C-alpha atoms as a PDB file:
ATOM      1  CA  UNK A   1      36.575 -60.398  23.932  1.00  0.00           C
ATOM      2  CA  UNK A   2      36.683 -64.049  23.050  1.00  0.00           C
ATOM      3  CA  UNK A   3      37.406 -67.151  25.052  1.00  0.00           C
ATOM      4  CA  UNK A   4      41.115 -67.701  25.643  1.00  0.00           C
ATOM      5  CA  UNK A   5      42.142 -71.294  26.369  1.00  0.00           C
ATOM      6  CA  UNK A   6      45.038 -71.576  28.808  1.00  0.00           C
ATOM      7  CA  UNK A   7      48.110 -73.320  27.432  1.00  0.00           C
ATOM      8  CA  UNK A   8      48.682 -75.220  30.673  1.00  0.00           C
ATOM      9  CA  UNK A   9      46.040 -77.098  32.647  1.00  0.00           C
ATOM     10  CA  UNK A  10      46.527 -80.010  35.028  1.00  0.00           C
ATOM     11  CA  UNK A  11      44.515 -82.192  37.391  1.00  0.00           C
ATOM     12  CA  UNK A  12      45.599 -84.577  40.120  1.00  0.00           C
ATOM     13  CA  UNK A  13      43.375 -87.139  41.836  1.00  0.00           C
ATOM     14  CA  UNK A  14      44.673 -89.052  44.869  1.00  0.00           C
ATOM     15  CA  UNK A  15      42.624 -91.711  46.669  1.00  0.00           C
ATOM     16  CA  UNK A  16      43.247 -93.606  49.879  1.00  0.00           C
ATOM     17  CA  UNK A  17      41.068 -96.588  50.903  1.00  0.00           C
ATOM     18  CA  UNK A  18      41.115 -98.466  54.199  1.00  0.00           C
ATOM     19  CA  UNK A  19      38.332-100.893  55.141  1.00  0.00           C
ATOM     20  CA  UNK A  20      35.053 -98.897  55.106  1.00  0.00           C
ATOM     21  CA  UNK A  21      36.703 -95.486  54.686  1.00  0.00           C
ATOM     22  CA  UNK A  22      38.105 -93.649  51.699  1.00  0.00           C
ATOM     23  CA  UNK A  23      39.586 -90.197  51.284  1.00  0.00           C
ATOM     24  CA  UNK A  24      39.944 -88.334  48.029  1.00  0.00           C
ATOM     25  CA  UNK A  25      41.936 -85.258  47.001  1.00  0.00           C
ATOM     26  CA  UNK A  26      41.430 -83.478  43.682  1.00  0.00           C
ATOM     27  CA  UNK A  27      43.761 -80.664  42.676  1.00  0.00           C
ATOM     28  CA  UNK A  28      43.257 -78.523  39.587  1.00  0.00           C
ATOM     29  CA  UNK A  29      45.623 -75.999  38.044  1.00  0.00           C
ATOM     30  CA  UNK A  30      44.995 -73.499  35.267  1.00  0.00           C
ATOM     31  CA  UNK A  31      48.014 -71.598  34.013  1.00  0.00           C
ATOM     32  CA  UNK A  32      48.084 -67.909  33.249  1.00  0.00           C
ATOM     33  CA  UNK A  33      46.671 -67.095  29.845  1.00  0.00           C
ATOM     34  CA  UNK A  34      45.593 -64.357  27.428  1.00  0.00           C
ATOM     35  CA  UNK A  35      49.211 -63.196  27.211  1.00  0.00           C
ATOM     36  CA  UNK A  36      49.495 -63.068  31.007  1.00  0.00           C
ATOM     37  CA  UNK A  37      46.333 -60.996  31.399  1.00  0.00           C
ATOM     38  CA  UNK A  38      44.815 -63.721  33.617  1.00  0.00           C
ATOM     39  CA  UNK A  39      46.862 -65.126  36.521  1.00  0.00           C
ATOM     40  CA  UNK A  40      47.179 -68.837  37.221  1.00  0.00           C
ATOM     41  CA  UNK A  41      44.571 -70.542  39.413  1.00  0.00           C
ATOM     42  CA  UNK A  42      44.664 -73.614  41.666  1.00  0.00           C
ATOM     43  CA  UNK A  43      41.728 -75.329  43.360  1.00  0.00           C
ATOM     44  CA  UNK A  44      41.701 -78.113  45.962  1.00  0.00           C
ATOM     45  CA  UNK A  45      38.775 -80.439  46.790  1.00  0.00           C
ATOM     46  CA  UNK A  46      38.739 -83.108  49.539  1.00  0.00           C
ATOM     47  CA  UNK A  47      36.268 -85.806  50.574  1.00  0.00           C
ATOM     48  CA  UNK A  48      35.993 -88.461  53.259  1.00  0.00           C
ATOM     49  CA  UNK A  49      33.566 -91.349  52.644  1.00  0.00           C
ATOM     50  CA  UNK A  50      32.281 -94.065  54.941  1.00  0.00           C
ATOM     51  CA  UNK A  51      30.732 -97.123  53.276  1.00  0.00           C
ATOM     52  CA  UNK A  52      27.944 -98.476  55.464  1.00  0.00           C
ATOM     53  CA  UNK A  53      27.164-102.184  55.986  1.00  0.00           C
ATOM     54  CA  UNK A  54      23.832-101.675  54.109  1.00  0.00           C
ATOM     55  CA  UNK A  55      25.456-100.526  50.814  1.00  0.00           C
ATOM     56  CA  UNK A  56      25.285 -96.809  51.438  1.00  0.00           C
ATOM     57  CA  UNK A  57      27.987 -94.158  51.246  1.00  0.00           C
ATOM     58  CA  UNK A  58      28.096 -91.164  53.579  1.00  0.00           C
ATOM     59  CA  UNK A  59      30.441 -88.506  52.240  1.00  0.00           C
ATOM     60  CA  UNK A  60      31.633 -85.265  53.800  1.00  0.00           C
ATOM     61  CA  UNK A  61      33.646 -82.989  51.572  1.00  0.00           C
ATOM     62  CA  UNK A  62      34.808 -79.487  50.842  1.00  0.00           C
ATOM     63  CA  UNK A  63      35.024 -78.050  47.336  1.00  0.00           C
ATOM     64  CA  UNK A  64      37.498 -75.220  46.813  1.00  0.00           C
ATOM     65  CA  UNK A  65      39.089 -75.865  50.217  1.00  0.00           C
ATOM     66  CA  UNK A  66      41.373 -72.822  50.066  1.00  0.00           C
ATOM     67  CA  UNK A  67      38.514 -70.524  48.932  1.00  0.00           C
ATOM     68  CA  UNK A  68      40.199 -69.420  45.714  1.00  0.00           C
ATOM     69  CA  UNK A  69      38.394 -66.623  43.908  1.00  0.00           C
ATOM     70  CA  UNK A  70      37.891 -66.771  40.147  1.00  0.00           C
ATOM     71  CA  UNK A  71      40.661 -65.003  38.297  1.00  0.00           C
ATOM     72  CA  UNK A  72      40.060 -61.404  37.217  1.00  0.00           C
ATOM     73  CA  UNK A  73      41.760 -59.793  34.260  1.00  0.00           C
ATOM     74  CA  UNK A  74      44.885 -57.808  35.137  1.00  0.00           C
ATOM     75  CA  UNK A  75      44.036 -55.092  32.615  1.00  0.00           C
ATOM     76  CA  UNK A  76      41.207 -53.586  34.680  1.00  0.00           C
ATOM     77  CA  UNK A  77      38.386 -55.064  32.594  1.00  0.00           C
ATOM     78  CA  UNK A  78      37.409 -57.436  35.433  1.00  0.00           C
ATOM     79  CA  UNK A  79      35.835 -60.771  34.676  1.00  0.00           C
ATOM     80  CA  UNK A  80      33.373 -61.874  32.035  1.00  0.00           C
ATOM     81  CA  UNK A  81      31.216 -64.945  31.399  1.00  0.00           C
ATOM     82  CA  UNK A  82      34.100 -66.821  29.765  1.00  0.00           C
ATOM     83  CA  UNK A  83      35.348 -67.474  33.287  1.00  0.00           C
ATOM     84  CA  UNK A  84      32.426 -69.799  33.963  1.00  0.00           C
ATOM     85  CA  UNK A  85      34.063 -72.272  31.602  1.00  0.00           C
ATOM     86  CA  UNK A  86      37.348 -72.286  33.544  1.00  0.00           C
ATOM     87  CA  UNK A  87      36.752 -71.294  37.167  1.00  0.00           C
ATOM     88  CA  UNK A  88      34.537 -72.270  40.081  1.00  0.00           C
ATOM     89  CA  UNK A  89      32.766 -69.114  41.201  1.00  0.00           C
ATOM     90  CA  UNK A  90      31.093 -70.620  44.295  1.00  0.00           C
ATOM     91  CA  UNK A  91      34.004 -70.276  46.725  1.00  0.00           C
ATOM     92  CA  UNK A  92      34.511 -72.736  49.579  1.00  0.00           C
ATOM     93  CA  UNK A  93      31.605 -75.213  49.650  1.00  0.00           C
ATOM     94  CA  UNK A  94      31.283 -77.841  52.373  1.00  0.00           C
ATOM     95  CA  UNK A  95      28.790 -80.640  51.692  1.00  0.00           C
ATOM     96  CA  UNK A  96      27.332 -83.845  53.113  1.00  0.00           C
ATOM     97  CA  UNK A  97      25.982 -86.540  50.765  1.00  0.00           C
ATOM     98  CA  UNK A  98      24.328 -89.924  51.147  1.00  0.00           C
ATOM     99  CA  UNK A  99      24.250 -92.395  48.254  1.00  0.00           C
ATOM    100  CA  UNK A 100      22.564 -95.780  48.372  1.00  0.00           C
ATOM    101  CA  UNK A 101      23.371 -98.581  45.941  1.00  0.00           C
ATOM    102  CA  UNK A 102      20.431-100.731  44.886  1.00  0.00           C
END
């Protein structure tokens, strides 16, 4: 099978900033595709960042907050490598990051 591009895709990025803190939400939607053979998919990522007085950022976040699985084909063929282009296969992923600006 070949790669089927979904007709509908959307992304939403919301950011809130207050003093040294910021919060970010990223939502992604992929509509059903391949003539309905693949169901729609939604993913939600969130982060909270604290900007330090010494020009550093400490960020805690969660990718794929609702632990959405990659979409499998409804025709019983499962899932192939084309899904790597469209879907996050890692599942829920909490992380902590430090970034320093020079």
